[in-house]
Amino acid sequence: MRRLWLVFAQAVTVSVAVLFVLTTLKPEWIESGNPASIIRVVEALPAPTDGPSGPRSDSYATAAARSMPTVVHIFTTKDIRSQGRAFRDEPLFRRFFGSPDNGESRQAPSGLGSGVIVSPDGLILTNNHVIEAADEIEVALNDGRKFRATLVGRDPESDLAVLKTDNAESLPSITFSSGVDLQVGDVVLAIGNPFGVGQTVTMGIVSALDRSRLGINTFENYIQTDAAINPGNSGGALVDGNGNLVGINTAIYSRSGGSLGIGFAIPVGTARSVLEQIVAAGEVTRGWIGVEIQELTLDLAASFGLDDTEGALISGVLRGSPADRAGIKPGDILVRLNGAKVRSAAEMLKMVAAIAPGQESVFMVRRGGADVDLRVAVGRRPVPALK
């Protein structure tokens, strides 16, 4: 009985305290118990909603929702032939050991990566290294649909490839950004299938532009980003804050195999050019003059009497090549190409590759302290042997 009385006394005390606070601070809430005042208070409360009233300034959900359906998972398989198959097919071998098994070859997974749908009829951009060892390719869409895919063409020197899905129509496709407005510090999203866990979106910024001399591919002008890119993201989309494609995720710098915040993507301009050439001709055509080049170091520049390291040193000339026929010699330093300054060996390689084969171009080389203009009929760059 004593405990019950204590509980009652405490309840009365708390009620009186609440009444006192309301009477002092909010007297309009208590108007002689008038029910209308209670109704007014309830009506003043905000109405419940089923979701956010508008887009949040700190969210990139719209960009992700726009681009995620266009990113696919790519699964590849390769035929593995059992050792000794050639001998088992021989009649003498069969006489002693019987007929070969039906399981003399099997399909083994050989790759897992990502790709980006670039047209409603099922054209897909991805990395060459994702599909280069594949005998069969399957793509899985974000909505669960799966399609077989065939190779349209690939370009190992830029590490890009184009696939085409079988019997697929009206697929969601990515919107290309112009790429010209991309700046260091812009927010980007990386979308792909890291480690096969499923479609994943990571966010970061553009850390640098036009990264080269990394030794990843022949032609390099990467976007560097700190958006997490991991194995399996290769071939996936790097999109801007509006969901437009700005690059194809390609590589990471890592000592552990995981993301360290240094990822690289092929710019959309390069990807678009390769895509258009592969769709039109099945391959990429580039200019070539047949020289070996190297970067000018401070020591090399000093030995040639130069004040800076701009230009590309010609270290070798292939006999019978366009450069050889035009009179370019080892030891020449290429300083201008068609009037444009050549700043490095890597830049010279890209400038020559952009020239259409058969076009005559003016190469200004520095030889013996004098500048010499040479006209070169640019040839076609040999296609590298495919694996």
Protein backbone atom coordinates (compact mmCIF):
# COMPACT_ATOMS: atom_id res chain seq x y z
CA MET A 1 0.00 0.00 0.00
CA ARG A 2 2.89 2.34 0.80
CA ARG A 3 4.44 1.73 -2.65
CA LEU A 4 1.15 2.42 -4.43
CA TRP A 5 0.77 5.69 -2.53
CA LEU A 6 4.29 6.79 -3.50
CA VAL A 7 3.61 6.11 -7.19
CA PHE A 8 0.36 8.07 -7.02
CA ALA A 9 2.07 11.02 -5.30
CA GLN A 10 4.84 11.13 -7.90
CA ALA A 11 2.34 11.05 -10.77
CA VAL A 12 0.36 13.93 -9.28
CA THR A 13 3.55 15.95 -8.77
CA VAL A 14 4.67 15.46 -12.39
CA SER A 15 1.21 16.37 -13.70
CA VAL A 16 1.11 19.59 -11.67
CA ALA A 17 4.61 20.50 -12.90
CA VAL A 18 3.63 19.97 -16.55
CA LEU A 19 0.45 22.02 -16.06
CA PHE A 20 2.45 24.85 -14.51
CA VAL A 21 4.95 24.91 -17.40
CA LEU A 22 2.17 24.94 -20.02
CA THR A 23 0.24 27.66 -18.19
CA THR A 24 3.37 29.82 -17.97
CA LEU A 25 4.87 29.32 -21.43
CA LYS A 26 1.93 28.37 -23.67
CA PRO A 27 -1.28 29.68 -22.12
CA GLU A 28 -3.03 29.57 -25.53
CA TRP A 29 -2.88 25.80 -25.40
CA ILE A 30 -5.14 25.73 -22.37
CA GLU A 31 -8.38 27.63 -22.78
CA SER A 32 -10.67 26.23 -20.08
CA GLY A 33 -10.51 22.79 -21.69
CA ASN A 34 -11.97 24.10 -24.97
CA PRO A 35 -11.70 21.22 -27.51
CA ALA A 36 -11.36 23.76 -30.34
CA SER A 37 -7.98 24.87 -29.00
CA ILE A 38 -6.72 21.30 -29.07
CA ILE A 39 -7.91 20.96 -32.68
CA ARG A 40 -6.05 24.13 -33.65
CA VAL A 41 -2.84 22.80 -32.12
CA VAL A 42 -3.16 19.50 -33.99
CA GLU A 43 -3.88 21.28 -37.29
CA ALA A 44 -0.74 23.37 -36.85
CA LEU A 45 1.48 20.28 -36.86
CA PRO A 46 3.20 19.44 -40.20
CA ALA A 47 1.42 16.82 -42.24
CA PRO A 48 3.23 13.47 -42.59
CA THR A 49 4.72 12.67 -46.01
CA ASP A 50 5.68 9.43 -47.76
CA GLY A 51 9.10 10.73 -48.82
CA PRO A 52 11.30 13.77 -49.25
CA SER A 53 9.45 16.85 -50.45
CA GLY A 54 12.18 17.67 -53.02
CA PRO A 55 15.73 16.82 -54.12
CA ARG A 56 18.39 17.21 -51.46
CA SER A 57 21.33 19.40 -52.31
CA ASP A 58 23.73 16.89 -50.77
CA SER A 59 22.41 13.87 -52.69
CA TYR A 60 23.36 12.42 -56.07
CA ALA A 61 20.50 9.93 -56.09
CA THR A 62 19.07 11.39 -59.31
CA ALA A 63 22.37 11.04 -61.16
CA ALA A 64 22.81 7.49 -59.86
CA ALA A 65 19.25 6.48 -60.76
CA ARG A 66 19.72 7.90 -64.25
CA SER A 67 22.95 6.07 -65.02
CA MET A 68 22.80 2.82 -63.03
CA PRO A 69 20.39 1.02 -65.43
CA THR A 70 22.86 1.58 -68.27
CA VAL A 71 25.78 -0.18 -66.53
CA VAL A 72 25.94 -3.96 -67.03
CA HIS A 73 27.86 -6.80 -65.47
CA ILE A 74 30.00 -8.74 -67.92
CA PHE A 75 30.70 -12.43 -67.41
CA THR A 76 33.13 -14.21 -69.70
CA THR A 77 33.97 -17.89 -70.13
CA LYS A 78 36.73 -19.70 -71.95
CA ASP A 79 36.92 -23.21 -73.33
CA ILE A 80 39.45 -25.27 -71.37
CA ARG A 81 40.65 -28.28 -73.37
CA SER A 82 41.77 -31.32 -71.44
CA GLN A 83 45.40 -32.23 -71.88
CA GLY A 84 46.09 -35.08 -74.25
CA ARG A 85 42.94 -34.60 -76.32
CA ALA A 86 44.92 -34.92 -79.54
CA PHE A 87 46.24 -38.31 -78.44
CA ARG A 88 42.82 -39.57 -77.31
CA ASP A 89 41.45 -38.86 -80.77
CA GLU A 90 44.00 -41.21 -82.30
CA PRO A 91 42.62 -44.70 -83.18
CA LEU A 92 45.60 -46.45 -81.53
CA PHE A 93 45.01 -44.54 -78.28
CA ARG A 94 41.31 -45.45 -78.33
CA ARG A 95 42.13 -49.12 -78.88
CA PHE A 96 43.99 -49.32 -75.59
CA PHE A 97 42.24 -46.66 -73.48
CA GLY A 98 38.73 -46.44 -74.93
CA SER A 99 36.85 -43.49 -76.40
CA PRO A 100 37.50 -40.02 -75.08
CA ASP A 101 35.13 -38.60 -72.49
CA ASN A 102 32.27 -36.36 -73.40
CA GLY A 103 33.75 -33.95 -70.87
CA GLU A 104 36.96 -33.41 -72.78
CA SER A 105 36.38 -29.63 -72.71
CA ARG A 106 34.66 -27.42 -70.21
CA GLN A 107 33.61 -23.84 -69.76
CA ALA A 108 35.56 -22.04 -67.07
CA PRO A 109 35.01 -18.50 -65.83
CA SER A 110 37.84 -16.32 -67.07
CA GLY A 111 36.74 -12.80 -66.30
CA LEU A 112 34.32 -10.52 -64.57
CA GLY A 113 33.87 -6.83 -65.24
CA SER A 114 31.46 -4.10 -66.22
CA GLY A 115 30.28 -2.30 -69.32
CA VAL A 116 28.15 0.68 -70.36
CA ILE A 117 25.18 0.52 -72.75
CA VAL A 118 25.67 3.31 -75.29
CA SER A 119 22.73 2.68 -77.64
CA PRO A 120 19.18 1.32 -77.21
CA ASP A 121 19.90 -1.56 -79.62
CA GLY A 122 22.54 -2.97 -77.26
CA LEU A 123 25.97 -1.55 -78.14
CA ILE A 124 28.18 -1.74 -75.06
CA LEU A 125 31.50 -0.05 -74.29
CA THR A 126 33.92 -1.85 -72.01
CA ASN A 127 37.64 -2.42 -71.49
CA ASN A 128 39.55 -4.68 -73.84
CA HIS A 129 41.20 -6.46 -70.91
CA VAL A 130 37.74 -7.49 -69.62
CA ILE A 131 36.93 -9.57 -72.71
CA GLU A 132 40.27 -10.28 -74.44
CA ALA A 133 40.47 -13.91 -73.25
CA ALA A 134 36.76 -14.70 -73.68
CA ASP A 135 35.22 -17.37 -75.87
CA GLU A 136 31.71 -16.52 -74.69
CA ILE A 137 30.37 -13.27 -73.23
CA GLU A 138 27.22 -12.71 -71.21
CA VAL A 139 25.91 -9.40 -69.91
CA ALA A 140 23.50 -8.93 -67.01
CA LEU A 141 21.42 -5.78 -66.73
CA ASN A 142 20.62 -4.03 -63.49
CA ASP A 143 17.01 -5.28 -63.71
CA GLY A 144 18.12 -8.93 -63.82
CA ARG A 145 17.82 -9.59 -67.54
CA LYS A 146 20.71 -11.45 -69.18
CA PHE A 147 21.84 -11.51 -72.80
CA ARG A 148 24.57 -13.16 -74.81
CA ALA A 149 26.91 -10.67 -76.44
CA THR A 150 29.27 -10.74 -79.39
CA LEU A 151 32.43 -8.75 -79.99
CA VAL A 152 32.08 -5.93 -82.53
CA GLY A 153 35.70 -4.84 -82.30
CA ARG A 154 38.46 -3.88 -79.88
CA ASP A 155 41.37 -1.54 -79.60
CA PRO A 156 44.14 -2.88 -77.34
CA GLU A 157 46.17 0.33 -77.56
CA SER A 158 43.45 2.31 -75.78
CA ASP A 159 42.10 -0.72 -73.86
CA LEU A 160 38.58 -0.31 -75.22
CA ALA A 161 36.18 -2.80 -76.79
CA VAL A 162 32.66 -2.69 -78.20
CA LEU A 163 30.11 -5.47 -77.69
CA LYS A 164 26.64 -6.05 -79.13
CA THR A 165 23.91 -7.86 -77.23
CA ASP A 166 21.91 -10.55 -78.99
CA ASN A 167 18.17 -9.96 -79.55
CA ALA A 168 17.97 -6.95 -77.24
CA GLU A 169 15.94 -3.85 -78.04
CA SER A 170 14.96 -0.62 -76.29
CA LEU A 171 17.65 -0.92 -73.65
CA PRO A 172 18.45 2.01 -71.36
CA SER A 173 21.48 3.86 -72.72
CA ILE A 174 23.90 6.36 -71.18
CA THR A 175 24.02 10.04 -72.13
CA PHE A 176 27.47 11.22 -73.22
CA SER A 177 28.97 14.31 -71.65
CA SER A 178 30.91 16.63 -73.95
CA GLY A 179 33.87 16.21 -71.57
CA VAL A 180 35.22 19.67 -72.38
CA ASP A 181 33.89 21.24 -69.19
CA LEU A 182 35.30 18.62 -66.82
CA GLN A 183 37.55 20.20 -64.21
CA VAL A 184 39.70 19.08 -61.32
CA GLY A 185 37.46 19.11 -58.25
CA ASP A 186 34.23 18.14 -60.07
CA VAL A 187 32.17 15.46 -58.32
CA VAL A 188 32.02 12.12 -60.15
CA LEU A 189 30.38 8.74 -59.50
CA ALA A 190 31.99 5.41 -60.38
CA ILE A 191 29.50 2.64 -61.20
CA GLY A 192 30.42 -1.00 -61.67
CA ASN A 193 30.48 -4.50 -60.22
CA PRO A 194 33.47 -4.63 -57.83
CA PHE A 195 34.60 -8.14 -56.86
CA GLY A 196 31.31 -9.47 -58.25
CA VAL A 197 29.30 -8.29 -55.23
CA GLY A 198 26.73 -6.50 -57.41
CA GLN A 199 26.23 -3.06 -58.84
CA THR A 200 27.87 -0.43 -56.66
CA VAL A 201 28.11 3.36 -56.78
CA THR A 202 31.03 5.24 -55.23
CA MET A 203 31.59 8.98 -55.13
CA GLY A 204 34.69 11.13 -55.40
CA ILE A 205 36.12 14.05 -57.30
CA VAL A 206 38.27 14.50 -60.38
CA SER A 207 41.78 14.45 -58.93
CA ALA A 208 43.67 15.22 -62.15
CA LEU A 209 43.22 15.32 -65.92
CA ASP A 210 45.34 14.06 -68.83
CA ARG A 211 47.38 11.61 -66.78
CA SER A 212 49.95 9.85 -68.97
CA ARG A 213 53.32 8.07 -68.76
CA LEU A 214 51.77 5.44 -66.50
CA GLY A 215 52.79 2.46 -68.64
CA ILE A 216 49.25 1.07 -68.74
CA ASN A 217 48.51 1.49 -72.45
CA THR A 218 50.09 2.91 -75.57
CA PHE A 219 47.74 5.91 -75.65
CA GLU A 220 47.10 7.47 -72.26
CA ASN A 221 45.26 10.63 -71.24
CA TYR A 222 43.42 9.40 -68.18
CA ILE A 223 41.05 11.09 -65.79
CA GLN A 224 42.33 10.45 -62.27
CA THR A 225 39.71 10.16 -59.53
CA ASP A 226 39.52 9.20 -55.87
CA ALA A 227 36.11 7.54 -56.35
CA ALA A 228 36.70 3.96 -55.26
CA ILE A 229 37.46 1.71 -58.26
CA ASN A 230 38.14 -1.95 -57.53
CA PRO A 231 38.62 -5.13 -59.58
CA GLY A 232 35.34 -5.73 -61.40
CA ASN A 233 34.73 -2.01 -61.94
CA SER A 234 36.77 -2.14 -65.15
CA GLY A 235 34.66 -1.07 -68.09
CA GLY A 236 32.06 0.61 -65.89
CA ALA A 237 30.88 4.20 -66.04
CA LEU A 238 32.37 7.31 -64.53
CA VAL A 239 29.56 9.88 -64.56
CA ASP A 240 29.20 13.51 -63.55
CA GLY A 241 26.74 14.97 -61.04
CA ASN A 242 23.99 14.85 -63.67
CA GLY A 243 24.53 11.20 -64.58
CA ASN A 244 26.26 11.87 -67.91
CA LEU A 245 29.17 9.67 -68.98
CA VAL A 246 32.58 11.35 -68.59
CA GLY A 247 34.81 8.26 -68.68
CA ILE A 248 35.24 4.48 -68.72
CA ASN A 249 36.77 3.13 -65.50
CA THR A 250 39.95 1.29 -66.44
CA ALA A 251 42.69 0.92 -63.84
CA ILE A 252 43.80 1.63 -60.29
CA TYR A 253 47.08 2.27 -58.58
CA SER A 254 47.27 -0.20 -55.73
CA ARG A 255 49.80 -2.19 -53.76
CA SER A 256 47.16 -4.38 -52.14
CA GLY A 257 44.72 -5.03 -55.01
CA GLY A 258 42.08 -2.76 -53.45
CA SER A 259 41.30 0.90 -53.91
CA LEU A 260 43.77 3.42 -52.51
CA GLY A 261 41.95 6.42 -53.91
CA ILE A 262 43.93 6.55 -57.15
CA GLY A 263 41.79 5.37 -60.04
CA PHE A 264 41.98 6.06 -63.76
CA ALA A 265 39.27 6.38 -66.41
CA ILE A 266 39.46 6.79 -70.18
CA PRO A 267 37.93 10.18 -71.11
CA VAL A 268 34.60 10.20 -72.91
CA GLY A 269 36.14 11.93 -75.95
CA THR A 270 38.57 9.06 -76.52
CA ALA A 271 35.87 6.47 -75.83
CA ARG A 272 33.47 8.09 -78.30
CA SER A 273 36.13 8.26 -81.05
CA VAL A 274 37.06 4.59 -80.61
CA LEU A 275 33.39 3.57 -80.49
CA GLU A 276 32.55 5.39 -83.72
CA GLN A 277 35.52 3.93 -85.60
CA ILE A 278 34.87 0.38 -84.42
CA VAL A 279 31.17 0.56 -85.31
CA ALA A 280 31.99 2.03 -88.74
CA ALA A 281 34.99 -0.11 -89.70
CA GLY A 282 35.50 -2.78 -87.04
CA GLU A 283 38.83 -1.30 -86.01
CA VAL A 284 40.61 1.93 -85.10
CA THR A 285 42.82 3.64 -87.68
CA ARG A 286 45.68 5.88 -86.53
CA GLY A 287 48.51 7.79 -88.14
CA TRP A 288 52.10 6.51 -88.01
CA ILE A 289 55.49 7.67 -89.28
CA GLY A 290 57.77 4.85 -88.07
CA VAL A 291 60.03 6.39 -85.45
CA GLU A 292 61.19 5.55 -81.96
CA ILE A 293 60.90 8.47 -79.57
CA GLN A 294 61.94 9.29 -76.03
CA GLU A 295 61.39 12.07 -73.57
CA LEU A 296 63.91 14.86 -73.31
CA THR A 297 65.53 14.92 -69.89
CA LEU A 298 67.43 17.91 -68.53
CA ASP A 299 70.74 16.19 -69.29
CA LEU A 300 69.70 15.35 -72.86
CA ALA A 301 68.40 18.85 -73.43
CA ALA A 302 71.69 20.32 -72.19
CA SER A 303 73.69 18.02 -74.48
CA PHE A 304 71.70 19.34 -77.46
CA GLY A 305 72.14 22.93 -76.34
CA LEU A 306 68.47 23.37 -75.44
CA ASP A 307 67.14 25.57 -72.67
CA ASP A 308 64.11 23.37 -71.85
CA THR A 309 62.81 19.82 -72.22
CA GLU A 310 59.94 20.54 -74.62
CA GLY A 311 59.88 18.39 -77.74
CA ALA A 312 60.37 14.73 -78.59
CA LEU A 313 63.75 13.17 -79.28
CA ILE A 314 63.85 10.88 -82.34
CA SER A 315 65.96 7.96 -81.13
CA GLY A 316 65.38 5.66 -84.10
CA VAL A 317 63.87 5.62 -87.59
CA LEU A 318 62.45 2.50 -89.22
CA ARG A 319 63.99 1.90 -92.63
CA GLY A 320 61.53 2.54 -95.45
CA SER A 321 59.01 4.20 -93.11
CA PRO A 322 57.28 7.53 -93.87
CA ALA A 323 59.76 9.29 -91.58
CA ASP A 324 62.72 7.67 -93.34
CA ARG A 325 61.41 8.69 -96.77
CA ALA A 326 60.88 12.26 -95.56
CA GLY A 327 64.44 12.60 -94.26
CA ILE A 328 63.88 12.45 -90.49
CA LYS A 329 67.03 11.18 -88.76
CA PRO A 330 67.95 9.80 -85.33
CA GLY A 331 68.98 12.70 -83.09
CA ASP A 332 66.41 15.09 -84.54
CA ILE A 333 64.17 16.80 -82.01
CA LEU A 334 60.58 17.25 -83.11
CA VAL A 335 59.44 20.67 -81.88
CA ARG A 336 56.33 21.40 -83.99
CA LEU A 337 53.77 19.39 -85.92
CA ASN A 338 51.59 21.24 -88.42
CA GLY A 339 52.42 24.45 -86.56
CA ALA A 340 51.40 23.13 -83.10
CA LYS A 341 54.06 22.94 -80.41
CA VAL A 342 55.13 19.44 -79.36
CA ARG A 343 55.68 19.45 -75.59
CA SER A 344 56.57 15.81 -74.94
CA ALA A 345 57.08 12.43 -76.56
CA ALA A 346 53.70 11.21 -75.31
CA GLU A 347 52.00 14.26 -76.81
CA MET A 348 53.80 13.72 -80.12
CA LEU A 349 52.54 10.12 -80.25
CA LYS A 350 48.94 11.28 -79.78
CA MET A 351 49.29 14.09 -82.31
CA VAL A 352 50.61 11.75 -85.01
CA ALA A 353 47.97 9.13 -84.24
CA ALA A 354 45.23 11.73 -84.77
CA ILE A 355 46.38 12.42 -88.37
CA ALA A 356 44.52 10.52 -91.08
CA PRO A 357 46.75 8.07 -92.98
CA GLY A 358 47.79 9.47 -96.35
CA GLN A 359 47.70 13.07 -95.22
CA GLU A 360 50.86 15.10 -95.70
CA SER A 361 51.98 16.95 -92.58
CA VAL A 362 54.77 19.38 -91.75
CA PHE A 363 57.22 18.23 -89.09
CA MET A 364 59.59 20.88 -87.75
CA VAL A 365 62.72 19.27 -86.31
CA ARG A 366 65.68 20.86 -84.61
CA ARG A 367 68.91 19.59 -86.11
CA GLY A 368 72.35 20.99 -85.33
CA GLY A 369 70.88 24.12 -83.76
CA ALA A 370 68.71 24.92 -86.79
CA ASP A 371 65.00 24.31 -87.36
CA VAL A 372 64.16 22.29 -90.47
CA ASP A 373 60.67 21.75 -91.95
CA LEU A 374 60.08 18.29 -93.40
CA ARG A 375 56.95 17.14 -95.22
CA VAL A 376 55.87 13.64 -94.21
CA ALA A 377 53.16 11.56 -95.88
CA VAL A 378 51.73 9.96 -92.74
CA GLY A 379 51.18 6.22 -92.95
CA ARG A 380 48.77 3.89 -91.19
CA ARG A 381 49.74 2.62 -87.77
CA PRO A 382 50.13 -1.18 -87.82
CA VAL A 383 47.41 -2.98 -85.89
CA PRO A 384 48.93 -4.76 -82.86
CA ALA A 385 48.66 -8.53 -82.77
CA LEU A 386 45.57 -9.60 -80.84
CA LYS A 387 45.88 -12.17 -78.10
